[in-house]
Amino acid sequence: MIYALSSIGAVSTLGFIAYAGQSFRSLFSGFTPWALASYVVFAVAGLVAYQQWLAAIVLVSSLVATLFAAAAYFDALFIHVHSTSALVFIFVPLYQLILAALVLLISLVSRFLRVRPTI
């Protein structure tokens, strides 16, 4: 589920970037890797999460980040079109990447600090 959600988020982000740039050539800009980086980090966090509760946290945070990005991109490109609407492609991935890095850090810490019973 985490990989599917990350893929859906990445593909929808590519669609918004192509629409904003008015061609598929805009996908080869520097914004594309920046916009997709958070989805890669969410997928890695899903790979690292070995406990069910941790995978649920990764899934929910990935869902929240994907829905937030879709809503922000849709709002900036279709509802409140302004000359500064392109800034959404800088700041939304930043917020997503902060959340993804936090979730990845929690996944890594819980993986390496596994509590083992002494009995």
PDB file of N, CA and C in Angstrom:
ATOM      1  N   MET A   1       0.812  -1.195   0.000  1.00  0.00           N
ATOM      2  CA  MET A   1       0.000   0.000   0.000  1.00  0.00           C
ATOM      3  C   MET A   1       0.858   1.262   0.000  1.00  0.00           C
ATOM      4  N   ILE A   2       1.940   1.249   0.750  1.00  0.00           N
ATOM      5  CA  ILE A   2       2.797   2.429   0.826  1.00  0.00           C
ATOM      6  C   ILE A   2       3.425   2.702  -0.529  1.00  0.00           C
ATOM      7  N   TYR A   3       3.875   1.658  -1.204  1.00  0.00           N
ATOM      8  CA  TYR A   3       4.502   1.832  -2.515  1.00  0.00           C
ATOM      9  C   TYR A   3       3.486   2.300  -3.542  1.00  0.00           C
ATOM     10  N   ALA A   4       2.278   1.774  -3.487  1.00  0.00           N
ATOM     11  CA  ALA A   4       1.233   2.203  -4.419  1.00  0.00           C
ATOM     12  C   ALA A   4       0.870   3.663  -4.183  1.00  0.00           C
ATOM     13  N   LEU A   5       0.753   4.051  -2.933  1.00  0.00           N
ATOM     14  CA  LEU A   5       0.424   5.435  -2.616  1.00  0.00           C
ATOM     15  C   LEU A   5       1.550   6.379  -3.030  1.00  0.00           C
ATOM     16  N   SER A   6       2.785   5.971  -2.813  1.00  0.00           N
ATOM     17  CA  SER A   6       3.918   6.788  -3.243  1.00  0.00           C
ATOM     18  C   SER A   6       3.951   6.913  -4.763  1.00  0.00           C
ATOM     19  N   SER A   7       3.631   5.845  -5.449  1.00  0.00           N
ATOM     20  CA  SER A   7       3.597   5.882  -6.917  1.00  0.00           C
ATOM     21  C   SER A   7       2.477   6.789  -7.424  1.00  0.00           C
ATOM     22  N   ILE A   8       1.308   6.692  -6.810  1.00  0.00           N
ATOM     23  CA  ILE A   8       0.185   7.554  -7.208  1.00  0.00           C
ATOM     24  C   ILE A   8       0.528   9.021  -6.958  1.00  0.00           C
ATOM     25  N   GLY A   9       1.131   9.297  -5.825  1.00  0.00           N
ATOM     26  CA  GLY A   9       1.533  10.672  -5.525  1.00  0.00           C
ATOM     27  C   GLY A   9       2.578  11.191  -6.501  1.00  0.00           C
ATOM     28  N   ALA A  10       3.536  10.355  -6.841  1.00  0.00           N
ATOM     29  CA  ALA A  10       4.583  10.769  -7.777  1.00  0.00           C
ATOM     30  C   ALA A  10       4.018  11.013  -9.173  1.00  0.00           C
ATOM     31  N   VAL A  11       3.142  10.138  -9.635  1.00  0.00           N
ATOM     32  CA  VAL A  11       2.562  10.297 -10.971  1.00  0.00           C
ATOM     33  C   VAL A  11       1.660  11.528 -11.029  1.00  0.00           C
ATOM     34  N   SER A  12       0.881  11.750  -9.980  1.00  0.00           N
ATOM     35  CA  SER A  12       0.031  12.944  -9.980  1.00  0.00           C
ATOM     36  C   SER A  12       0.869  14.220  -9.917  1.00  0.00           C
ATOM     37  N   THR A  13       1.962  14.183  -9.184  1.00  0.00           N
ATOM     38  CA  THR A  13       2.856  15.339  -9.139  1.00  0.00           C
ATOM     39  C   THR A  13       3.471  15.595 -10.507  1.00  0.00           C
ATOM     40  N   LEU A  14       3.856  14.530 -11.202  1.00  0.00           N
ATOM     41  CA  LEU A  14       4.382  14.693 -12.563  1.00  0.00           C
ATOM     42  C   LEU A  14       3.323  15.309 -13.477  1.00  0.00           C
ATOM     43  N   GLY A  15       2.083  14.910 -13.315  1.00  0.00           N
ATOM     44  CA  GLY A  15       1.013  15.491 -14.118  1.00  0.00           C
ATOM     45  C   GLY A  15       0.825  16.971 -13.836  1.00  0.00           C
ATOM     46  N   PHE A  16       0.868  17.354 -12.576  1.00  0.00           N
ATOM     47  CA  PHE A  16       0.737  18.769 -12.231  1.00  0.00           C
ATOM     48  C   PHE A  16       1.913  19.579 -12.755  1.00  0.00           C
ATOM     49  N   ILE A  17       3.117  19.021 -12.694  1.00  0.00           N
ATOM     50  CA  ILE A  17       4.288  19.733 -13.209  1.00  0.00           C
ATOM     51  C   ILE A  17       4.169  19.894 -14.723  1.00  0.00           C
ATOM     52  N   ALA A  18       3.743  18.852 -15.421  1.00  0.00           N
ATOM     53  CA  ALA A  18       3.583  18.935 -16.870  1.00  0.00           C
ATOM     54  C   ALA A  18       2.499  19.951 -17.234  1.00  0.00           C
ATOM     55  N   TYR A  19       1.420  19.994 -16.465  1.00  0.00           N
ATOM     56  CA  TYR A  19       0.363  20.975 -16.738  1.00  0.00           C
ATOM     57  C   TYR A  19       0.872  22.394 -16.482  1.00  0.00           C
ATOM     58  N   ALA A  20       1.583  22.586 -15.398  1.00  0.00           N
ATOM     59  CA  ALA A  20       2.070  23.923 -15.058  1.00  0.00           C
ATOM     60  C   ALA A  20       3.093  24.411 -16.087  1.00  0.00           C
ATOM     61  N   GLY A  21       3.918  23.516 -16.585  1.00  0.00           N
ATOM     62  CA  GLY A  21       4.910  23.889 -17.582  1.00  0.00           C
ATOM     63  C   GLY A  21       4.378  23.889 -18.999  1.00  0.00           C
ATOM     64  N   GLN A  22       3.139  23.454 -19.191  1.00  0.00           N
ATOM     65  CA  GLN A  22       2.434  23.413 -20.464  1.00  0.00           C
ATOM     66  C   GLN A  22       3.097  22.512 -21.498  1.00  0.00           C
ATOM     67  N   SER A  23       3.934  21.581 -21.038  1.00  0.00           N
ATOM     68  CA  SER A  23       4.506  20.576 -21.930  1.00  0.00           C
ATOM     69  C   SER A  23       5.191  19.503 -21.090  1.00  0.00           C
ATOM     70  N   PHE A  24       5.444  18.383 -21.737  1.00  0.00           N
ATOM     71  CA  PHE A  24       6.165  17.325 -21.041  1.00  0.00           C
ATOM     72  C   PHE A  24       7.647  17.654 -20.914  1.00  0.00           C
ATOM     73  N   ARG A  25       8.104  18.633 -21.655  1.00  0.00           N
ATOM     74  CA  ARG A  25       9.503  19.048 -21.567  1.00  0.00           C
ATOM     75  C   ARG A  25       9.801  19.661 -20.198  1.00  0.00           C
ATOM     76  N   SER A  26       8.766  20.169 -19.538  1.00  0.00           N
ATOM     77  CA  SER A  26       8.962  20.759 -18.218  1.00  0.00           C
ATOM     78  C   SER A  26       9.304  19.709 -17.161  1.00  0.00           C
ATOM     79  N   LEU A  27       9.080  18.426 -17.477  1.00  0.00           N
ATOM     80  CA  LEU A  27       9.432  17.368 -16.531  1.00  0.00           C
ATOM     81  C   LEU A  27      10.937  17.202 -16.386  1.00  0.00           C
ATOM     82  N   PHE A  28      11.697  17.762 -17.308  1.00  0.00           N
ATOM     83  CA  PHE A  28      13.150  17.655 -17.260  1.00  0.00           C
ATOM     84  C   PHE A  28      13.787  18.855 -16.577  1.00  0.00           C
ATOM     85  N   SER A  29      13.014  19.589 -15.826  1.00  0.00           N
ATOM     86  CA  SER A  29      13.547  20.727 -15.082  1.00  0.00           C
ATOM     87  C   SER A  29      14.101  20.261 -13.739  1.00  0.00           C
ATOM     88  N   GLY A  30      14.655  21.178 -13.011  1.00  0.00           N
ATOM     89  CA  GLY A  30      15.203  20.845 -11.701  1.00  0.00           C
ATOM     90  C   GLY A  30      14.148  20.636 -10.628  1.00  0.00           C
ATOM     91  N   PHE A  31      12.915  21.038 -10.907  1.00  0.00           N
ATOM     92  CA  PHE A  31      11.845  20.879  -9.924  1.00  0.00           C
ATOM     93  C   PHE A  31      11.369  19.435  -9.815  1.00  0.00           C
ATOM     94  N   THR A  32      11.530  18.675 -10.857  1.00  0.00           N
ATOM     95  CA  THR A  32      10.997  17.308 -10.852  1.00  0.00           C
ATOM     96  C   THR A  32      11.662  16.430  -9.801  1.00  0.00           C
ATOM     97  N   PRO A  33      12.995  16.338  -9.739  1.00  0.00           N
ATOM     98  CA  PRO A  33      13.581  15.516  -8.667  1.00  0.00           C
ATOM     99  C   PRO A  33      13.248  16.046  -7.274  1.00  0.00           C
ATOM    100  N   TRP A  34      13.179  17.353  -7.144  1.00  0.00           N
ATOM    101  CA  TRP A  34      12.835  17.949  -5.859  1.00  0.00           C
ATOM    102  C   TRP A  34      11.417  17.570  -5.442  1.00  0.00           C
ATOM    103  N   ALA A  35      10.484  17.603  -6.394  1.00  0.00           N
ATOM    104  CA  ALA A  35       9.092  17.294  -6.086  1.00  0.00           C
ATOM    105  C   ALA A  35       8.882  15.808  -5.817  1.00  0.00           C
ATOM    106  N   LEU A  36       9.717  14.947  -6.383  1.00  0.00           N
ATOM    107  CA  LEU A  36       9.554  13.499  -6.219  1.00  0.00           C
ATOM    108  C   LEU A  36      10.366  12.922  -5.062  1.00  0.00           C
ATOM    109  N   ALA A  37      11.260  13.696  -4.506  1.00  0.00           N
ATOM    110  CA  ALA A  37      12.153  13.189  -3.458  1.00  0.00           C
ATOM    111  C   ALA A  37      11.399  12.684  -2.235  1.00  0.00           C
ATOM    112  N   SER A  38      10.350  13.378  -1.856  1.00  0.00           N
ATOM    113  CA  SER A  38       9.622  12.966  -0.650  1.00  0.00           C
ATOM    114  C   SER A  38       8.940  11.622  -0.849  1.00  0.00           C
ATOM    115  N   TYR A  39       8.460  11.333  -2.056  1.00  0.00           N
ATOM    116  CA  TYR A  39       7.811  10.049  -2.300  1.00  0.00           C
ATOM    117  C   TYR A  39       8.827   8.904  -2.237  1.00  0.00           C
ATOM    118  N   VAL A  40      10.035   9.175  -2.650  1.00  0.00           N
ATOM    119  CA  VAL A  40      11.095   8.166  -2.545  1.00  0.00           C
ATOM    120  C   VAL A  40      11.417   7.909  -1.071  1.00  0.00           C
ATOM    121  N   VAL A  41      11.467   8.965  -0.282  1.00  0.00           N
ATOM    122  CA  VAL A  41      11.770   8.808   1.144  1.00  0.00           C
ATOM    123  C   VAL A  41      10.638   8.064   1.851  1.00  0.00           C
ATOM    124  N   PHE A  42       9.388   8.321   1.474  1.00  0.00           N
ATOM    125  CA  PHE A  42       8.272   7.565   2.053  1.00  0.00           C
ATOM    126  C   PHE A  42       8.373   6.083   1.693  1.00  0.00           C
ATOM    127  N   ALA A  43       8.754   5.785   0.454  1.00  0.00           N
ATOM    128  CA  ALA A  43       8.898   4.387   0.041  1.00  0.00           C
ATOM    129  C   ALA A  43      10.026   3.710   0.816  1.00  0.00           C
ATOM    130  N   VAL A  44      11.123   4.410   1.033  1.00  0.00           N
ATOM    131  CA  VAL A  44      12.227   3.846   1.818  1.00  0.00           C
ATOM    132  C   VAL A  44      11.802   3.649   3.268  1.00  0.00           C
ATOM    133  N   ALA A  45      11.037   4.579   3.811  1.00  0.00           N
ATOM    134  CA  ALA A  45      10.536   4.423   5.184  1.00  0.00           C
ATOM    135  C   ALA A  45       9.614   3.219   5.282  1.00  0.00           C
ATOM    136  N   GLY A  46       8.829   2.971   4.248  1.00  0.00           N
ATOM    137  CA  GLY A  46       7.991   1.775   4.230  1.00  0.00           C
ATOM    138  C   GLY A  46       8.805   0.510   4.143  1.00  0.00           C
ATOM    139  N   LEU A  47       9.925   0.574   3.460  1.00  0.00           N
ATOM    140  CA  LEU A  47      10.820  -0.578   3.364  1.00  0.00           C
ATOM    141  C   LEU A  47      11.505  -0.859   4.698  1.00  0.00           C
ATOM    142  N   VAL A  48      11.845   0.187   5.414  1.00  0.00           N
ATOM    143  CA  VAL A  48      12.561   0.041   6.685  1.00  0.00           C
ATOM    144  C   VAL A  48      11.627  -0.367   7.819  1.00  0.00           C
ATOM    145  N   ALA A  49      10.371   0.055   7.752  1.00  0.00           N
ATOM    146  CA  ALA A  49       9.409  -0.240   8.822  1.00  0.00           C
ATOM    147  C   ALA A  49       9.137  -1.740   8.874  1.00  0.00           C
ATOM    148  N   TYR A  50       9.475  -2.355   9.975  1.00  0.00           N
ATOM    149  CA  TYR A  50       9.310  -3.808  10.090  1.00  0.00           C
ATOM    150  C   TYR A  50       8.164  -4.190  11.023  1.00  0.00           C
ATOM    151  N   GLN A  51       7.647  -3.251  11.779  1.00  0.00           N
ATOM    152  CA  GLN A  51       6.531  -3.541  12.665  1.00  0.00           C
ATOM    153  C   GLN A  51       5.246  -2.985  12.055  1.00  0.00           C
ATOM    154  N   GLN A  52       4.143  -3.610  12.374  1.00  0.00           N
ATOM    155  CA  GLN A  52       2.875  -3.238  11.763  1.00  0.00           C
ATOM    156  C   GLN A  52       2.437  -1.829  12.161  1.00  0.00           C
ATOM    157  N   TRP A  53       2.611  -1.449  13.395  1.00  0.00           N
ATOM    158  CA  TRP A  53       2.208  -0.120  13.823  1.00  0.00           C
ATOM    159  C   TRP A  53       3.048   0.953  13.161  1.00  0.00           C
ATOM    160  N   LEU A  54       4.312   0.651  12.907  1.00  0.00           N
ATOM    161  CA  LEU A  54       5.192   1.605  12.253  1.00  0.00           C
ATOM    162  C   LEU A  54       4.846   1.741  10.776  1.00  0.00           C
ATOM    163  N   ALA A  55       4.487   0.634  10.145  1.00  0.00           N
ATOM    164  CA  ALA A  55       4.043   0.691   8.749  1.00  0.00           C
ATOM    165  C   ALA A  55       2.750   1.481   8.626  1.00  0.00           C
ATOM    166  N   ALA A  56       1.888   1.383   9.627  1.00  0.00           N
ATOM    167  CA  ALA A  56       0.646   2.162   9.616  1.00  0.00           C
ATOM    168  C   ALA A  56       0.939   3.656   9.735  1.00  0.00           C
ATOM    169  N   ILE A  57       1.914   4.011  10.539  1.00  0.00           N
ATOM    170  CA  ILE A  57       2.308   5.419  10.668  1.00  0.00           C
ATOM    171  C   ILE A  57       2.861   5.932   9.345  1.00  0.00           C
ATOM    172  N   VAL A  58       3.691   5.123   8.701  1.00  0.00           N
ATOM    173  CA  VAL A  58       4.248   5.518   7.406  1.00  0.00           C
ATOM    174  C   VAL A  58       3.133   5.670   6.378  1.00  0.00           C
ATOM    175  N   LEU A  59       2.187   4.752   6.378  1.00  0.00           N
ATOM    176  CA  LEU A  59       1.079   4.806   5.421  1.00  0.00           C
ATOM    177  C   LEU A  59       0.209   6.037   5.634  1.00  0.00           C
ATOM    178  N   VAL A  60      -0.142   6.318   6.864  1.00  0.00           N
ATOM    179  CA  VAL A  60      -1.000   7.478   7.153  1.00  0.00           C
ATOM    180  C   VAL A  60      -0.275   8.779   6.832  1.00  0.00           C
ATOM    181  N   SER A  61       0.989   8.882   7.190  1.00  0.00           N
ATOM    182  CA  SER A  61       1.726  10.116   6.896  1.00  0.00           C
ATOM    183  C   SER A  61       1.934  10.285   5.396  1.00  0.00           C
ATOM    184  N   SER A  62       2.138   9.198   4.688  1.00  0.00           N
ATOM    185  CA  SER A  62       2.249   9.267   3.236  1.00  0.00           C
ATOM    186  C   SER A  62       0.927   9.692   2.598  1.00  0.00           C
ATOM    187  N   LEU A  63      -0.172   9.181   3.131  1.00  0.00           N
ATOM    188  CA  LEU A  63      -1.492   9.566   2.634  1.00  0.00           C
ATOM    189  C   LEU A  63      -1.761  11.047   2.886  1.00  0.00           C
ATOM    190  N   VAL A  64      -1.439  11.524   4.072  1.00  0.00           N
ATOM    191  CA  VAL A  64      -1.642  12.930   4.408  1.00  0.00           C
ATOM    192  C   VAL A  64      -0.793  13.819   3.496  1.00  0.00           C
ATOM    193  N   ALA A  65       0.463  13.449   3.294  1.00  0.00           N
ATOM    194  CA  ALA A  65       1.350  14.253   2.449  1.00  0.00           C
ATOM    195  C   ALA A  65       0.882  14.261   0.993  1.00  0.00           C
ATOM    196  N   THR A  66       0.406  13.122   0.504  1.00  0.00           N
ATOM    197  CA  THR A  66      -0.062  13.043  -0.878  1.00  0.00           C
ATOM    198  C   THR A  66      -1.336  13.855  -1.071  1.00  0.00           C
ATOM    199  N   LEU A  67      -2.270  13.747  -0.149  1.00  0.00           N
ATOM    200  CA  LEU A  67      -3.504  14.523  -0.263  1.00  0.00           C
ATOM    201  C   LEU A  67      -3.254  16.019  -0.112  1.00  0.00           C
ATOM    202  N   PHE A  68      -2.345  16.382   0.778  1.00  0.00           N
ATOM    203  CA  PHE A  68      -1.979  17.788   0.940  1.00  0.00           C
ATOM    204  C   PHE A  68      -1.371  18.336  -0.342  1.00  0.00           C
ATOM    205  N   ALA A  69      -0.470  17.573  -0.950  1.00  0.00           N
ATOM    206  CA  ALA A  69       0.165  18.035  -2.183  1.00  0.00           C
ATOM    207  C   ALA A  69      -0.843  18.162  -3.314  1.00  0.00           C
ATOM    208  N   ALA A  70      -1.711  17.173  -3.458  1.00  0.00           N
ATOM    209  CA  ALA A  70      -2.713  17.234  -4.523  1.00  0.00           C
ATOM    210  C   ALA A  70      -3.639  18.436  -4.339  1.00  0.00           C
ATOM    211  N   ALA A  71      -4.057  18.676  -3.115  1.00  0.00           N
ATOM    212  CA  ALA A  71      -4.932  19.820  -2.851  1.00  0.00           C
ATOM    213  C   ALA A  71      -4.217  21.144  -3.098  1.00  0.00           C
ATOM    214  N   ALA A  72      -2.969  21.240  -2.670  1.00  0.00           N
ATOM    215  CA  ALA A  72      -2.217  22.479  -2.852  1.00  0.00           C
ATOM    216  C   ALA A  72      -1.925  22.737  -4.322  1.00  0.00           C
ATOM    217  N   TYR A  73      -1.531  21.711  -5.062  1.00  0.00           N
ATOM    218  CA  TYR A  73      -1.266  21.878  -6.490  1.00  0.00           C
ATOM    219  C   TYR A  73      -2.540  22.238  -7.240  1.00  0.00           C
ATOM    220  N   PHE A  74      -3.635  21.556  -6.930  1.00  0.00           N
ATOM    221  CA  PHE A  74      -4.905  21.846  -7.593  1.00  0.00           C
ATOM    222  C   PHE A  74      -5.353  23.271  -7.300  1.00  0.00           C
ATOM    223  N   ASP A  75      -5.226  23.685  -6.061  1.00  0.00           N
ATOM    224  CA  ASP A  75      -5.619  25.033  -5.686  1.00  0.00           C
ATOM    225  C   ASP A  75      -4.756  26.075  -6.396  1.00  0.00           C
ATOM    226  N   ALA A  76      -3.462  25.853  -6.461  1.00  0.00           N
ATOM    227  CA  ALA A  76      -2.563  26.836  -7.064  1.00  0.00           C
ATOM    228  C   ALA A  76      -2.693  26.894  -8.588  1.00  0.00           C
ATOM    229  N   LEU A  77      -3.035  25.784  -9.208  1.00  0.00           N
ATOM    230  CA  LEU A  77      -3.076  25.748 -10.674  1.00  0.00           C
ATOM    231  C   LEU A  77      -4.455  26.001 -11.257  1.00  0.00           C
ATOM    232  N   PHE A  78      -5.518  25.722 -10.502  1.00  0.00           N
ATOM    233  CA  PHE A  78      -6.854  25.829 -11.073  1.00  0.00           C
ATOM    234  C   PHE A  78      -7.774  26.814 -10.353  1.00  0.00           C
ATOM    235  N   ILE A  79      -7.621  26.989  -9.059  1.00  0.00           N
ATOM    236  CA  ILE A  79      -8.572  27.810  -8.308  1.00  0.00           C
ATOM    237  C   ILE A  79      -8.028  29.218  -8.067  1.00  0.00           C
ATOM    238  N   HIS A  80      -6.899  29.326  -7.410  1.00  0.00           N
ATOM    239  CA  HIS A  80      -6.299  30.625  -7.110  1.00  0.00           C
ATOM    240  C   HIS A  80      -5.051  30.828  -7.954  1.00  0.00           C
ATOM    241  N   VAL A  81      -5.250  31.006  -9.233  1.00  0.00           N
ATOM    242  CA  VAL A  81      -4.127  31.197 -10.151  1.00  0.00           C
ATOM    243  C   VAL A  81      -3.552  32.590  -9.939  1.00  0.00           C
ATOM    244  N   HIS A  82      -2.257  32.626  -9.699  1.00  0.00           N
ATOM    245  CA  HIS A  82      -1.578  33.878  -9.416  1.00  0.00           C
ATOM    246  C   HIS A  82      -0.176  33.792 -10.002  1.00  0.00           C
ATOM    247  N   SER A  83       0.498  34.909 -10.060  1.00  0.00           N
ATOM    248  CA  SER A  83       1.851  34.906 -10.619  1.00  0.00           C
ATOM    249  C   SER A  83       2.831  34.138  -9.742  1.00  0.00           C
ATOM    250  N   THR A  84       2.512  33.977  -8.478  1.00  0.00           N
ATOM    251  CA  THR A  84       3.405  33.252  -7.567  1.00  0.00           C
ATOM    252  C   THR A  84       2.933  31.817  -7.309  1.00  0.00           C
ATOM    253  N   SER A  85       2.028  31.320  -8.129  1.00  0.00           N
ATOM    254  CA  SER A  85       1.511  29.965  -7.928  1.00  0.00           C
ATOM    255  C   SER A  85       2.582  28.895  -8.109  1.00  0.00           C
ATOM    256  N   ALA A  86       3.601  29.186  -8.878  1.00  0.00           N
ATOM    257  CA  ALA A  86       4.660  28.196  -9.103  1.00  0.00           C
ATOM    258  C   ALA A  86       5.479  27.936  -7.847  1.00  0.00           C
ATOM    259  N   LEU A  87       5.393  28.827  -6.878  1.00  0.00           N
ATOM    260  CA  LEU A  87       6.117  28.613  -5.624  1.00  0.00           C
ATOM    261  C   LEU A  87       5.615  27.384  -4.869  1.00  0.00           C
ATOM    262  N   VAL A  88       4.439  26.920  -5.227  1.00  0.00           N
ATOM    263  CA  VAL A  88       3.904  25.715  -4.586  1.00  0.00           C
ATOM    264  C   VAL A  88       4.803  24.516  -4.873  1.00  0.00           C
ATOM    265  N   PHE A  89       5.489  24.517  -6.017  1.00  0.00           N
ATOM    266  CA  PHE A  89       6.386  23.419  -6.361  1.00  0.00           C
ATOM    267  C   PHE A  89       7.715  23.482  -5.610  1.00  0.00           C
ATOM    268  N   ILE A  90       7.927  24.542  -4.863  1.00  0.00           N
ATOM    269  CA  ILE A  90       9.116  24.642  -4.011  1.00  0.00           C
ATOM    270  C   ILE A  90       8.766  24.303  -2.564  1.00  0.00           C
ATOM    271  N   PHE A  91       7.666  24.868  -2.073  1.00  0.00           N
ATOM    272  CA  PHE A  91       7.366  24.744  -0.654  1.00  0.00           C
ATOM    273  C   PHE A  91       6.619  23.469  -0.273  1.00  0.00           C
ATOM    274  N   VAL A  92       5.729  22.979  -1.108  1.00  0.00           N
ATOM    275  CA  VAL A  92       5.011  21.740  -0.783  1.00  0.00           C
ATOM    276  C   VAL A  92       5.980  20.561  -0.674  1.00  0.00           C
ATOM    277  N   PRO A  93       6.909  20.380  -1.641  1.00  0.00           N
ATOM    278  CA  PRO A  93       7.878  19.287  -1.460  1.00  0.00           C
ATOM    279  C   PRO A  93       8.766  19.459  -0.228  1.00  0.00           C
ATOM    280  N   LEU A  94       9.029  20.709   0.152  1.00  0.00           N
ATOM    281  CA  LEU A  94       9.807  20.938   1.368  1.00  0.00           C
ATOM    282  C   LEU A  94       9.062  20.413   2.590  1.00  0.00           C
ATOM    283  N   TYR A  95       7.774  20.733   2.689  1.00  0.00           N
ATOM    284  CA  TYR A  95       6.980  20.254   3.824  1.00  0.00           C
ATOM    285  C   TYR A  95       6.838  18.732   3.791  1.00  0.00           C
ATOM    286  N   GLN A  96       6.650  18.194   2.599  1.00  0.00           N
ATOM    287  CA  GLN A  96       6.552  16.739   2.475  1.00  0.00           C
ATOM    288  C   GLN A  96       7.862  16.070   2.869  1.00  0.00           C
ATOM    289  N   LEU A  97       8.964  16.659   2.451  1.00  0.00           N
ATOM    290  CA  LEU A  97      10.265  16.065   2.753  1.00  0.00           C
ATOM    291  C   LEU A  97      10.581  16.120   4.236  1.00  0.00           C
ATOM    292  N   ILE A  98      10.164  17.164   4.911  1.00  0.00           N
ATOM    293  CA  ILE A  98      10.356  17.237   6.360  1.00  0.00           C
ATOM    294  C   ILE A  98       9.582  16.118   7.046  1.00  0.00           C
ATOM    295  N   LEU A  99       8.317  15.925   6.649  1.00  0.00           N
ATOM    296  CA  LEU A  99       7.511  14.853   7.230  1.00  0.00           C
ATOM    297  C   LEU A  99       8.086  13.481   6.885  1.00  0.00           C
ATOM    298  N   ALA A 100       8.511  13.295   5.637  1.00  0.00           N
ATOM    299  CA  ALA A 100       9.063  12.008   5.216  1.00  0.00           C
ATOM    300  C   ALA A 100      10.365  11.698   5.946  1.00  0.00           C
ATOM    301  N   ALA A 101      11.211  12.703   6.127  1.00  0.00           N
ATOM    302  CA  ALA A 101      12.463  12.484   6.853  1.00  0.00           C
ATOM    303  C   ALA A 101      12.208  12.140   8.313  1.00  0.00           C
ATOM    304  N   LEU A 102      11.210  12.774   8.903  1.00  0.00           N
ATOM    305  CA  LEU A 102      10.852  12.465  10.288  1.00  0.00           C
ATOM    306  C   LEU A 102      10.350  11.032  10.422  1.00  0.00           C
ATOM    307  N   VAL A 103       9.497  10.610   9.494  1.00  0.00           N
ATOM    308  CA  VAL A 103       8.973   9.241   9.523  1.00  0.00           C
ATOM    309  C   VAL A 103      10.096   8.231   9.271  1.00  0.00           C
ATOM    310  N   LEU A 104      10.995   8.546   8.346  1.00  0.00           N
ATOM    311  CA  LEU A 104      12.129   7.660   8.091  1.00  0.00           C
ATOM    312  C   LEU A 104      13.038   7.573   9.314  1.00  0.00           C
ATOM    313  N   LEU A 105      13.259   8.677   9.978  1.00  0.00           N
ATOM    314  CA  LEU A 105      14.083   8.675  11.184  1.00  0.00           C
ATOM    315  C   LEU A 105      13.451   7.820  12.279  1.00  0.00           C
ATOM    316  N   ILE A 106      12.146   7.944  12.444  1.00  0.00           N
ATOM    317  CA  ILE A 106      11.448   7.113  13.436  1.00  0.00           C
ATOM    318  C   ILE A 106      11.556   5.639  13.061  1.00  0.00           C
ATOM    319  N   SER A 107      11.424   5.330  11.780  1.00  0.00           N
ATOM    320  CA  SER A 107      11.535   3.935  11.326  1.00  0.00           C
ATOM    321  C   SER A 107      12.931   3.379  11.578  1.00  0.00           C
ATOM    322  N   LEU A 108      13.939   4.184  11.278  1.00  0.00           N
ATOM    323  CA  LEU A 108      15.312   3.721  11.482  1.00  0.00           C
ATOM    324  C   LEU A 108      15.644   3.557  12.959  1.00  0.00           C
ATOM    325  N   VAL A 109      15.227   4.503  13.775  1.00  0.00           N
ATOM    326  CA  VAL A 109      15.510   4.417  15.216  1.00  0.00           C
ATOM    327  C   VAL A 109      14.810   3.215  15.829  1.00  0.00           C
ATOM    328  N   SER A 110      13.560   2.992  15.457  1.00  0.00           N
ATOM    329  CA  SER A 110      12.849   1.844  16.034  1.00  0.00           C
ATOM    330  C   SER A 110      13.409   0.526  15.529  1.00  0.00           C
ATOM    331  N   ARG A 111      13.993   0.533  14.358  1.00  0.00           N
ATOM    332  CA  ARG A 111      14.587  -0.697  13.828  1.00  0.00           C
ATOM    333  C   ARG A 111      15.878  -1.051  14.564  1.00  0.00           C
ATOM    334  N   PHE A 112      16.672  -0.031  14.872  1.00  0.00           N
ATOM    335  CA  PHE A 112      17.955  -0.297  15.500  1.00  0.00           C
ATOM    336  C   PHE A 112      17.899  -0.327  17.020  1.00  0.00           C
ATOM    337  N   LEU A 113      16.855   0.205  17.599  1.00  0.00           N
ATOM    338  CA  LEU A 113      16.702   0.180  19.046  1.00  0.00           C
ATOM    339  C   LEU A 113      15.601  -0.797  19.445  1.00  0.00           C
ATOM    340  N   ARG A 114      15.632  -1.934  18.837  1.00  0.00           N
ATOM    341  CA  ARG A 114      14.633  -2.961  19.128  1.00  0.00           C
ATOM    342  C   ARG A 114      14.780  -3.439  20.566  1.00  0.00           C
ATOM    343  N   VAL A 115      13.689  -3.430  21.286  1.00  0.00           N
ATOM    344  CA  VAL A 115      13.701  -3.913  22.659  1.00  0.00           C
ATOM    345  C   VAL A 115      13.529  -5.421  22.629  1.00  0.00           C
ATOM    346  N   ARG A 116      14.478  -6.110  23.211  1.00  0.00           N
ATOM    347  CA  ARG A 116      14.421  -7.579  23.246  1.00  0.00           C
ATOM    348  C   ARG A 116      14.116  -8.035  24.674  1.00  0.00           C
ATOM    349  N   PRO A 117      13.203  -8.953  24.810  1.00  0.00           N
ATOM    350  CA  PRO A 117      12.880  -9.420  26.157  1.00  0.00           C
ATOM    351  C   PRO A 117      14.075 -10.145  26.788  1.00  0.00           C
ATOM    352  N   THR A 118      14.224  -9.976  28.081  1.00  0.00           N
ATOM    353  CA  THR A 118      15.344 -10.614  28.788  1.00  0.00           C
ATOM    354  C   THR A 118      14.985 -11.984  29.312  1.00  0.00           C
ATOM    355  N   ILE A 119      13.743 -12.320  29.281  1.00  0.00           N
ATOM    356  CA  ILE A 119      13.322 -13.625  29.806  1.00  0.00           C
ATOM    357  C   ILE A 119      13.074 -14.576  28.683  1.00  0.00           C
TER     358      ILE A 119
END
